[in-house]
Protein backbone atom coordinates (compact mmCIF):
# COMPACT_ATOMS: atom_id res chain seq x y z
CA UNK A 1 -6.43 -32.66 -23.19
CA UNK A 2 -7.52 -33.80 -26.65
CA UNK A 3 -9.92 -31.41 -28.38
CA UNK A 4 -12.35 -33.77 -30.10
CA UNK A 5 -13.96 -30.82 -31.90
CA UNK A 6 -10.70 -29.86 -33.61
CA UNK A 7 -9.02 -31.30 -36.69
CA UNK A 8 -5.75 -30.15 -38.26
CA UNK A 9 -5.00 -30.58 -41.96
CA UNK A 10 -1.33 -30.20 -42.95
CA UNK A 11 -0.78 -29.40 -46.62
CA UNK A 12 2.39 -31.17 -47.77
CA UNK A 13 1.64 -31.99 -51.42
CA UNK A 14 3.61 -29.21 -53.12
CA UNK A 15 6.52 -29.93 -55.45
CA UNK A 16 8.80 -27.11 -54.25
CA UNK A 17 10.57 -26.59 -57.58
CA UNK A 18 12.17 -23.34 -56.46
CA UNK A 19 14.32 -25.21 -53.95
CA UNK A 20 16.10 -26.81 -56.93
CA UNK A 21 16.69 -29.95 -54.92
CA UNK A 22 16.28 -33.71 -55.20
CA UNK A 23 14.99 -33.59 -51.62
CA UNK A 24 11.30 -32.74 -51.06
CA UNK A 25 10.94 -29.16 -49.89
CA UNK A 26 9.22 -30.03 -46.62
CA UNK A 27 12.11 -32.36 -45.70
CA UNK A 28 14.77 -29.64 -45.82
CA UNK A 29 16.29 -29.00 -42.41
CA UNK A 30 15.94 -26.01 -40.12
CA UNK A 31 17.26 -25.93 -36.53
CA UNK A 32 17.88 -29.66 -36.63
CA UNK A 33 14.37 -30.61 -37.77
CA UNK A 34 12.72 -30.85 -41.16
CA UNK A 35 10.24 -28.13 -42.09
CA UNK A 36 7.37 -30.60 -41.79
CA UNK A 37 8.63 -31.70 -38.36
CA UNK A 38 8.29 -28.13 -37.05
CA UNK A 39 4.75 -27.90 -38.43
CA UNK A 40 3.74 -31.28 -37.01
CA UNK A 41 5.17 -30.39 -33.59
CA UNK A 42 3.11 -27.20 -33.56
CA UNK A 43 -0.01 -29.07 -34.69
CA UNK A 44 0.56 -31.67 -31.99
CA UNK A 45 0.64 -28.99 -29.28
CA UNK A 46 -2.97 -28.17 -30.16
CA UNK A 47 -3.93 -31.75 -29.21
CA UNK A 48 -6.46 -32.12 -32.04
CA UNK A 49 -8.81 -35.05 -32.23
CA UNK A 50 -7.74 -35.62 -35.84
CA UNK A 51 -4.50 -34.84 -37.69
CA UNK A 52 -4.46 -35.28 -41.47
CA UNK A 53 -1.54 -34.77 -43.86
CA UNK A 54 -2.18 -34.33 -47.58
CA UNK A 55 0.75 -35.48 -49.74
CA UNK A 56 1.66 -35.97 -53.39
CA UNK A 57 5.17 -35.11 -54.68
CA UNK A 58 7.90 -37.45 -53.36
CA UNK A 59 5.08 -39.12 -51.53
CA UNK A 60 6.95 -42.07 -49.98
CA UNK A 61 9.76 -39.99 -48.46
CA UNK A 62 7.33 -37.44 -47.03
CA UNK A 63 5.00 -40.11 -45.65
CA UNK A 64 7.90 -41.96 -44.01
CA UNK A 65 8.89 -38.80 -42.13
CA UNK A 66 5.34 -37.93 -41.11
CA UNK A 67 4.58 -41.47 -39.94
CA UNK A 68 7.77 -41.56 -37.88
CA UNK A 69 7.00 -38.24 -36.20
CA UNK A 70 3.21 -38.65 -35.89
CA UNK A 71 2.25 -42.32 -36.10
CA UNK A 72 -1.42 -41.45 -35.58
CA UNK A 73 -1.60 -39.04 -38.51
CA UNK A 74 -3.97 -39.93 -41.34
CA UNK A 75 -2.26 -39.77 -44.74
CA UNK A 76 -4.31 -38.54 -47.71
CA UNK A 77 -3.02 -38.58 -51.29
CA UNK A 78 -3.91 -35.61 -53.46
CA UNK A 79 -5.19 -36.60 -56.91
CA UNK A 80 -4.52 -34.97 -60.27
CA UNK A 81 -6.75 -31.97 -59.51
CA UNK A 82 -4.32 -29.21 -58.48
CA UNK A 83 -4.72 -26.60 -55.78
CA UNK A 84 -5.06 -26.12 -52.05
CA UNK A 85 -8.84 -26.23 -52.32
CA UNK A 86 -8.71 -29.76 -53.66
CA UNK A 87 -6.16 -30.78 -51.02
CA UNK A 88 -8.42 -29.59 -48.20
CA UNK A 89 -11.45 -31.16 -49.87
CA UNK A 90 -9.72 -34.54 -49.80
CA UNK A 91 -8.54 -33.91 -46.26
CA UNK A 92 -11.99 -33.28 -44.81
CA UNK A 93 -13.31 -36.30 -46.72
CA UNK A 94 -11.03 -38.37 -44.47
CA UNK A 95 -12.73 -37.06 -41.31
CA UNK A 96 -15.43 -39.15 -39.64
CA UNK A 97 -18.91 -38.47 -41.00
CA UNK A 98 -20.10 -37.30 -37.59
CA UNK A 99 -17.31 -34.74 -37.13
CA UNK A 100 -18.90 -31.31 -36.76
CA UNK A 101 -16.13 -29.22 -35.26
CA UNK A 102 -13.46 -26.83 -36.54
CA UNK A 103 -10.73 -27.52 -39.08
CA UNK A 104 -7.33 -25.79 -38.86
CA UNK A 105 -5.45 -25.68 -42.18
CA UNK A 106 -1.69 -25.16 -42.06
CA UNK A 107 1.08 -25.42 -44.66
CA UNK A 108 3.95 -27.86 -44.33
CA UNK A 109 6.47 -25.21 -45.40
CA UNK A 110 5.68 -22.59 -42.71
CA UNK A 111 7.95 -23.69 -39.84
CA UNK A 112 7.95 -20.52 -37.70
CA UNK A 113 4.24 -20.53 -36.90
CA UNK A 114 3.81 -21.42 -33.23
CA UNK A 115 1.04 -23.07 -31.25
CA UNK A 116 0.32 -19.93 -29.20
CA UNK A 117 -0.55 -18.02 -32.38
CA UNK A 118 -2.80 -20.84 -33.58
CA UNK A 119 -4.56 -21.05 -30.22
CA UNK A 120 -5.27 -17.31 -30.39
CA UNK A 121 -6.65 -17.80 -33.92
CA UNK A 122 -8.90 -20.68 -32.81
CA UNK A 123 -10.19 -18.72 -29.81
CA UNK A 124 -10.97 -15.70 -31.99
CA UNK A 125 -12.75 -17.93 -34.50
CA UNK A 126 -14.91 -19.62 -31.90
CA UNK A 127 -15.59 -16.39 -30.03
CA UNK A 128 -16.92 -14.74 -33.19
CA UNK A 129 -18.92 -17.83 -34.21
CA UNK A 130 -17.30 -17.39 -37.62
CA UNK A 131 -17.56 -19.77 -40.54
CA UNK A 132 -13.94 -19.02 -41.36
CA UNK A 133 -11.11 -17.09 -39.72
CA UNK A 134 -7.92 -16.29 -41.58
CA UNK A 135 -4.50 -15.61 -40.16
CA UNK A 136 -3.20 -12.52 -41.95
CA UNK A 137 -0.15 -10.27 -41.74
CA UNK A 138 0.75 -6.73 -42.71
CA UNK A 139 3.92 -6.77 -44.82
CA UNK A 140 6.00 -3.98 -46.30
CA UNK A 141 6.63 -6.22 -49.30
CA UNK A 142 3.58 -8.36 -50.08
CA UNK A 143 4.85 -9.79 -53.36
CA UNK A 144 3.97 -13.44 -53.87
CA UNK A 145 1.11 -13.50 -51.38
CA UNK A 146 -2.66 -13.44 -51.83
CA UNK A 147 -4.17 -10.12 -50.73
CA UNK A 148 -7.04 -9.78 -48.28
CA UNK A 149 -9.70 -7.49 -49.71
CA UNK A 150 -11.92 -5.90 -47.07
CA UNK A 151 -15.28 -4.24 -47.57
CA UNK A 152 -16.23 -0.68 -46.69
CA UNK A 153 -17.00 -1.71 -43.10
CA UNK A 154 -13.62 -3.38 -42.72
CA UNK A 155 -14.97 -6.92 -42.94
CA UNK A 156 -13.19 -9.53 -45.01
CA UNK A 157 -14.75 -9.64 -48.46
CA UNK A 158 -12.48 -12.00 -50.39
CA UNK A 159 -8.92 -13.10 -51.06
CA UNK A 160 -7.29 -12.47 -54.42
CA UNK A 161 -4.16 -14.34 -55.49
CA UNK A 162 -1.30 -12.23 -56.82
CA UNK A 163 -1.60 -13.67 -60.33
CA UNK A 164 -5.27 -12.62 -60.48
CA UNK A 165 -5.00 -9.24 -58.69
CA UNK A 166 -5.63 -5.86 -60.24
CA UNK A 167 -3.16 -3.00 -59.87
CA UNK A 168 -5.15 -1.55 -56.95
CA UNK A 169 -5.36 -4.95 -55.26
CA UNK A 170 -1.60 -5.39 -55.59
CA UNK A 171 -1.17 -2.25 -53.47
CA UNK A 172 -2.86 -3.97 -50.52
CA UNK A 173 -0.32 -4.87 -47.80
CA UNK A 174 -2.48 -7.23 -45.73
CA UNK A 175 -1.75 -10.71 -46.96
CA UNK A 176 -3.27 -14.14 -46.50
CA UNK A 177 -0.84 -16.39 -44.63
CA UNK A 178 -2.42 -19.62 -45.87
CA UNK A 179 -3.45 -20.56 -42.33
CA UNK A 180 -7.18 -20.87 -41.59
CA UNK A 181 -9.80 -22.14 -39.18
CA UNK A 182 -13.10 -23.28 -40.71
CA UNK A 183 -16.28 -24.73 -39.34
CA UNK A 184 -16.37 -28.01 -41.19
CA UNK A 185 -20.02 -27.93 -42.37
CA UNK A 186 -19.87 -24.68 -44.37
CA UNK A 187 -16.39 -25.60 -45.59
CA UNK A 188 -17.68 -28.86 -47.06
CA UNK A 189 -20.58 -27.08 -48.68
CA UNK A 190 -18.60 -24.31 -50.33
CA UNK A 191 -15.63 -26.42 -51.47
CA UNK A 192 -17.99 -28.35 -53.70
CA UNK A 193 -18.70 -25.06 -55.53
CA UNK A 194 -15.10 -24.00 -56.10
CA UNK A 195 -13.90 -24.12 -59.70
CA UNK A 196 -10.51 -23.67 -61.38
CA UNK A 197 -11.15 -20.67 -63.64
CA UNK A 198 -8.09 -18.64 -62.68
CA UNK A 199 -4.58 -17.82 -63.92
CA UNK A 200 -3.11 -20.99 -62.42
CA UNK A 201 -5.92 -23.35 -63.36
CA UNK A 202 -6.10 -24.55 -59.74
CA UNK A 203 -8.85 -25.12 -57.24
CA UNK A 204 -8.08 -22.34 -54.77
CA UNK A 205 -8.98 -22.71 -51.10
CA UNK A 206 -9.08 -18.92 -50.98
CA UNK A 207 -12.20 -18.93 -53.20
CA UNK A 208 -14.13 -20.40 -50.28
CA UNK A 209 -13.89 -17.05 -48.51
CA UNK A 210 -15.80 -15.20 -51.25
CA UNK A 211 -18.41 -17.96 -51.43
CA UNK A 212 -18.96 -17.88 -47.69
CA UNK A 213 -19.35 -14.11 -47.75
CA UNK A 214 -21.84 -14.37 -50.63
CA UNK A 215 -23.81 -16.85 -48.53
CA UNK A 216 -23.93 -14.37 -45.66
CA UNK A 217 -21.53 -16.24 -43.38
CA UNK A 218 -19.17 -14.52 -40.95
CA UNK A 219 -15.56 -14.43 -42.17
CA UNK A 220 -12.86 -12.72 -40.12
CA UNK A 221 -9.12 -12.17 -40.31
CA UNK A 222 -6.66 -11.95 -37.44
CA UNK A 223 -3.36 -10.18 -38.24
CA UNK A 224 -0.25 -11.57 -36.54
CA UNK A 225 2.02 -9.17 -34.68
CA UNK A 226 5.18 -10.52 -36.30
CA UNK A 227 4.85 -11.06 -40.02
CA UNK A 228 7.81 -13.45 -40.12
CA UNK A 229 5.78 -15.98 -38.12
CA UNK A 230 3.78 -16.85 -41.26
CA UNK A 231 6.65 -16.75 -43.77
CA UNK A 232 6.75 -19.73 -46.09
CA UNK A 233 9.96 -21.40 -47.30
CA UNK A 234 10.11 -21.74 -51.07
CA UNK A 235 13.81 -21.40 -51.90
CA UNK A 236 17.23 -21.51 -50.26
CA UNK A 237 17.23 -17.78 -49.53
CA UNK A 238 13.99 -18.08 -47.59
CA UNK A 239 15.30 -21.21 -45.86
CA UNK A 240 18.32 -19.29 -44.59
CA UNK A 241 16.16 -16.41 -43.41
CA UNK A 242 13.80 -18.79 -41.61
CA UNK A 243 16.79 -20.50 -39.99
CA UNK A 244 18.06 -17.19 -38.70
CA UNK A 245 14.65 -16.25 -37.32
CA UNK A 246 14.17 -19.63 -35.69
CA UNK A 247 17.60 -19.40 -34.09
CA UNK A 248 16.78 -15.98 -32.68
CA UNK A 249 13.66 -17.42 -31.07
CA UNK A 250 15.52 -20.41 -29.63
CA UNK A 251 18.45 -18.36 -28.31
CA UNK A 252 16.12 -15.83 -26.67
CA UNK A 253 14.11 -18.62 -25.04
CA UNK A 254 17.24 -20.08 -23.46
CA UNK A 255 18.49 -16.67 -22.36
CA UNK A 256 15.22 -16.12 -20.51
CA UNK A 257 15.65 -19.58 -18.95
CA UNK A 258 18.99 -18.63 -17.39
CA UNK A 259 21.57 -19.37 -20.09
CA UNK A 260 24.27 -16.79 -20.85
CA UNK A 261 24.84 -16.34 -24.59
CA UNK A 262 27.75 -13.97 -25.15
CA UNK A 263 27.11 -13.44 -28.86
CA UNK A 264 23.66 -14.52 -30.10
CA UNK A 265 24.59 -13.70 -33.70
CA UNK A 266 27.26 -16.44 -33.82
CA UNK A 267 25.56 -18.96 -31.54
CA UNK A 268 23.33 -21.61 -33.13
CA UNK A 269 21.11 -23.90 -31.09
CA UNK A 270 18.95 -26.64 -32.60
CA UNK A 271 15.33 -27.06 -31.54
CA UNK A 272 15.93 -30.32 -29.64
CA UNK A 273 18.90 -29.10 -27.57
CA UNK A 274 18.46 -28.96 -23.78
CA UNK A 275 20.41 -26.52 -21.58
CA UNK A 276 20.65 -26.16 -17.80
CA UNK A 277 20.72 -22.97 -15.76
CA UNK A 278 23.92 -20.93 -15.73
CA UNK A 279 25.29 -22.57 -18.85
CA UNK A 280 27.53 -20.13 -20.71
CA UNK A 281 27.79 -20.24 -24.50
CA UNK A 282 30.74 -18.35 -25.95
CA UNK A 283 30.96 -16.96 -29.52
CA UNK A 284 31.04 -19.41 -32.40
CA UNK A 285 29.19 -22.19 -30.57
CA UNK A 286 26.92 -24.62 -32.44
CA UNK A 287 24.79 -27.06 -30.46
CA UNK A 288 23.11 -29.54 -32.75
CA UNK A 289 20.78 -32.52 -32.60
CA UNK A 290 19.72 -33.71 -29.15
CA UNK A 291 22.71 -32.22 -27.31
CA UNK A 292 22.26 -31.85 -23.54
CA UNK A 293 24.36 -29.40 -21.49
CA UNK A 294 23.98 -29.52 -17.72
CA UNK A 295 23.99 -26.57 -15.32
CA UNK A 296 27.04 -24.36 -15.05
CA UNK A 297 28.95 -25.78 -18.02
CA UNK A 298 30.84 -23.47 -20.38
CA UNK A 299 30.83 -24.22 -24.11
CA UNK A 300 33.01 -22.43 -26.64
CA UNK A 301 34.34 -20.42 -28.18
CA UNK A 302 34.33 -22.00 -31.65
CA UNK A 303 32.81 -25.32 -30.60
CA UNK A 304 30.42 -27.70 -32.36
CA UNK A 305 28.62 -30.41 -30.40
CA UNK A 306 26.35 -32.89 -32.19
CA UNK A 307 24.16 -35.20 -30.10
CA UNK A 308 26.48 -34.84 -27.11
CA UNK A 309 25.94 -34.86 -23.35
CA UNK A 310 27.94 -32.42 -21.22
CA UNK A 311 27.97 -32.67 -17.44
CA UNK A 312 27.54 -29.88 -14.92
CA UNK A 313 30.47 -27.50 -14.60
CA UNK A 314 32.38 -28.93 -17.56
CA UNK A 315 34.43 -26.69 -19.88
CA UNK A 316 34.51 -27.47 -23.60
CA UNK A 317 36.40 -25.04 -25.82
CA UNK A 318 37.38 -25.03 -29.49
CA UNK A 319 36.19 -28.61 -29.85
CA UNK A 320 34.36 -30.68 -32.44
CA UNK A 321 32.42 -33.55 -30.88
CA UNK A 322 29.75 -35.99 -32.05
CA UNK A 323 27.88 -38.56 -29.94
CA UNK A 324 30.21 -37.99 -27.01
CA UNK A 325 29.58 -37.89 -23.25
CA UNK A 326 31.59 -35.43 -21.15
CA UNK A 327 31.41 -35.81 -17.38
CA UNK A 328 30.82 -33.13 -14.79
CA UNK A 329 33.68 -30.72 -14.16
CA UNK A 330 35.63 -32.27 -17.01
CA UNK A 331 37.77 -30.23 -19.40
CA UNK A 332 37.96 -30.61 -23.17
CA UNK A 333 40.08 -28.70 -25.68
CA UNK A 334 41.22 -26.50 -27.12
CA UNK A 335 41.41 -28.14 -30.56
CA UNK A 336 40.06 -31.52 -29.50
CA UNK A 337 38.18 -33.91 -31.78
CA UNK A 338 35.77 -36.28 -30.03
CA UNK A 339 34.36 -38.90 -32.37
CA UNK A 340 31.34 -41.12 -31.65
CA UNK A 341 31.60 -43.39 -28.64
CA UNK A 342 33.83 -41.10 -26.57
CA UNK A 343 33.08 -41.08 -22.84
CA UNK A 344 35.05 -38.78 -20.53
CA UNK A 345 34.44 -39.25 -16.82
CA UNK A 346 33.98 -36.61 -14.14
CA UNK A 347 36.99 -34.34 -13.56
CA UNK A 348 38.72 -35.87 -16.58
CA UNK A 349 40.59 -34.07 -19.34
CA UNK A 350 40.91 -34.38 -23.11
CA UNK A 351 43.33 -31.66 -24.06
CA UNK A 352 44.96 -29.87 -26.95
CA UNK A 353 45.12 -31.65 -30.31
CA UNK A 354 43.70 -34.90 -28.95
CA UNK A 355 41.47 -37.19 -31.01
CA UNK A 356 39.34 -39.86 -29.35
CA UNK A 357 37.04 -42.52 -30.77
CA UNK A 358 34.98 -45.29 -29.17
CA UNK A 359 36.90 -44.84 -25.92
CA UNK A 360 35.96 -44.63 -22.26
CA UNK A 361 38.25 -42.44 -20.15
CA UNK A 362 37.55 -42.81 -16.44
CA UNK A 363 36.97 -40.26 -13.70
CA UNK A 364 39.95 -38.01 -13.11
CA UNK A 365 41.98 -39.45 -15.98
CA UNK A 366 43.73 -37.14 -18.42
CA UNK A 367 44.86 -37.20 -22.03
CA UNK A 368 46.42 -33.75 -22.05
CA UNK A 369 47.83 -33.25 -25.55
CA UNK A 370 48.89 -34.50 -28.98
CA UNK A 371 47.37 -37.98 -28.71
CA UNK A 372 45.06 -40.39 -30.49
CA UNK A 373 43.00 -42.70 -28.28
CA UNK A 374 40.79 -45.16 -30.15
CA UNK A 375 38.95 -48.32 -29.03
CA UNK A 376 40.39 -47.86 -25.56
CA UNK A 377 39.29 -48.09 -21.95
CA UNK A 378 41.20 -46.00 -19.42
CA UNK A 379 40.58 -46.42 -15.69
CA UNK A 380 40.47 -43.70 -13.07
CA UNK A 381 43.14 -41.09 -12.28
CA UNK A 382 45.51 -42.15 -15.02
CA UNK A 383 47.66 -39.79 -17.08
CA UNK A 384 48.44 -40.46 -20.73
CA UNK A 385 51.70 -38.78 -21.76
CA UNK A 386 52.01 -36.32 -24.63
CA UNK A 387 52.18 -37.81 -28.09
CA UNK A 388 50.74 -41.18 -27.09
CA UNK A 389 48.71 -43.11 -29.66
CA UNK A 390 46.81 -46.36 -29.61
CA UNK A 391 47.61 -48.46 -32.66
CA UNK A 392 44.20 -50.08 -32.75
CA UNK A 393 43.96 -51.17 -36.42
CA UNK A 394 46.15 -53.77 -38.09
CA UNK A 395 44.59 -53.35 -41.51
CA UNK A 396 42.03 -56.08 -40.93
CA UNK A 397 40.51 -55.72 -37.47
CA UNK A 398 40.33 -53.06 -34.77
CA UNK A 399 41.47 -54.25 -31.35
CA UNK A 400 41.08 -52.82 -27.87
CA UNK A 401 43.58 -51.25 -25.53
CA UNK A 402 42.93 -51.37 -21.78
CA UNK A 403 44.72 -48.94 -19.48
CA UNK A 404 44.16 -49.42 -15.76
CA UNK A 405 43.75 -46.88 -12.98
CA UNK A 406 46.59 -44.68 -11.67
CA UNK A 407 48.71 -45.44 -14.72
CA UNK A 408 51.45 -43.00 -15.79
CA UNK A 409 52.53 -43.35 -19.41
CA UNK A 410 55.56 -41.56 -20.79
CA UNK A 411 55.63 -39.23 -23.76
CA UNK A 412 55.54 -40.58 -27.32
CA UNK A 413 54.24 -44.02 -26.40
CA UNK A 414 52.57 -46.40 -28.85
CA UNK A 415 50.14 -48.95 -27.41
CA UNK A 416 49.85 -51.73 -30.00
CA UNK A 417 46.44 -53.33 -29.50
CA UNK A 418 45.33 -55.68 -28.18
CA UNK A 419 47.24 -54.84 -25.04
CA UNK A 420 46.53 -54.26 -21.34
CA UNK A 421 48.43 -51.97 -18.99
CA UNK A 422 47.76 -52.86 -15.37
CA UNK A 423 46.79 -50.59 -12.49
CA UNK A 424 49.57 -48.39 -11.17
CA UNK A 425 51.96 -49.24 -14.03
CA UNK A 426 54.41 -46.79 -15.62
CA UNK A 427 55.77 -46.69 -19.17
CA UNK A 428 58.96 -44.94 -20.18
CA UNK A 429 59.21 -42.17 -22.75
CA UNK A 430 59.27 -43.41 -26.33
CA UNK A 431 58.12 -46.90 -25.39
CA UNK A 432 56.27 -49.10 -27.88
CA UNK A 433 54.09 -51.38 -25.75
CA UNK A 434 53.41 -54.66 -27.57
CA UNK A 435 52.94 -56.93 -24.55
CA UNK A 436 50.71 -56.63 -21.49
CA UNK A 437 52.20 -54.65 -18.61
CA UNK A 438 51.55 -56.11 -15.13
CA UNK A 439 50.18 -53.86 -12.38
CA UNK A 440 52.88 -51.74 -10.80
CA UNK A 441 55.48 -52.56 -13.47
CA UNK A 442 57.63 -50.16 -15.50
CA UNK A 443 57.59 -50.89 -19.21
CA UNK A 444 60.57 -49.64 -21.24
CA UNK A 445 62.15 -50.51 -24.54
CA UNK A 446 65.81 -51.16 -23.64
CA UNK A 447 68.06 -49.82 -26.38
CA UNK A 448 71.41 -48.34 -25.20
CA UNK A 449 72.09 -44.88 -26.53
CA UNK A 450 75.22 -44.62 -28.72
CA UNK A 451 77.06 -41.34 -29.24
CA UNK A 452 79.26 -41.34 -32.39
CA UNK A 453 81.89 -38.72 -31.55
CA UNK A 454 82.91 -36.43 -34.43
CA UNK A 455 80.16 -37.68 -36.78
CA UNK A 456 78.96 -34.19 -37.77
CA UNK A 457 82.40 -32.79 -38.52
CA UNK A 458 83.24 -35.87 -40.55
CA UNK A 459 80.00 -36.27 -42.47
CA UNK A 460 78.74 -32.68 -42.62
CA UNK A 461 81.95 -30.76 -43.15
CA UNK A 462 81.73 -27.08 -44.07
CA UNK A 463 78.25 -26.72 -42.57
CA UNK A 464 77.11 -24.43 -39.78
CA UNK A 465 76.55 -27.38 -37.37
CA UNK A 466 80.09 -28.63 -38.07
CA UNK A 467 81.50 -25.18 -37.38
CA UNK A 468 79.51 -24.92 -34.14
CA UNK A 469 80.70 -28.36 -33.02
CA UNK A 470 84.36 -27.49 -33.75
CA UNK A 471 84.04 -24.21 -31.83
CA UNK A 472 82.48 -25.98 -28.85
CA UNK A 473 85.21 -28.61 -28.80
CA UNK A 474 87.90 -25.92 -28.90
CA UNK A 475 86.26 -24.09 -26.00
CA UNK A 476 86.16 -27.29 -23.94
CA UNK A 477 89.90 -27.88 -24.42
CA UNK A 478 90.94 -24.28 -23.83
């Protein structure tokens, strides 16, 4: 249910220079989603009455992503006045004049923060009737974070940024996570008083805390249990660490839902993957994008699936597949390469060193090994012999091959598209099929075999094969 007394402001205006990237920091990917996508998903779970995103650097790219993910979000452009205080000031200015509720402030580069933690923060804030409640954390290494300074009674007194902290303040291990809940009225009032007389020359949101305390308002801080939940991503090292943490959370969630993960350390699952009960993931498995794996399937080892659908009971091992559909109880691999548009029916097989592309292989049909099947439709219960390829491209256009049901093709066939092989047909080993094969026919290339007696001894004299041939001939005449 929508909470009409709640607004969320997402801060996404930062430049992110430490990423050293042409891509905006909040658009870097983690578990198959951009950083900002994780933050927006968490904000959306709170069901706020208002969601506002404050942007500036690489504005158009960031806005395009936000608008695609959250079409109802209000976009606010930060002006030339720097600092989080100014960003929030502009954000609350976009709220309706009659809004009198609470404002949650989150950062667009903190992807691990979850909705459950934010709900706990909001409940604590409302229960204490506080003007502001901060989400804090106790860290062994607090470098880079603002410190929370508490008074003699343990109440929050102020926040000091690292650049402005004294030596004693730098020893404080409780840090400000940059996540807050404010009552909007006192926030509006105190933001108007915040200046930029500090080491960075910015309008700090953290200065509001000291102003509220000076005005006698209640300010509290709620430490999170896991400090990594509030970790920001500012460079590639932190991005990798956040990716690892996120993967641990995702893997554990699926394990508790009934998925067997043999080696969590080498198994990577994107946020939008869906898994059924009794799925088994073997070491070296990567499930990416919107991949769906149905109950009882086994994936891996050493398998990467991108935006694929795998049916119940299927086995997919040592395979690379993208935008492919694998039917129930089907078998794929090892060493198979399924390109976009591959569809393998129930009980079918794509085997060792087989590449497929834009092809539909029917129920019970098999392409066991050493083949390329492209732009092809195969019916049901057919078997494609080893070494068969579809010659689907003539250098100008790509044409289709159609193989019927209950077809048996010989080894080392070439199907030169466009061509159709009828139901129940056979093809001989080594056949190049250039014309349609009627149902029930046997297609062969008739070329009588010639044996040139004595060719090796005559043309390869004084070689080991010639000696072997001479010895064999002598044995036959003995």
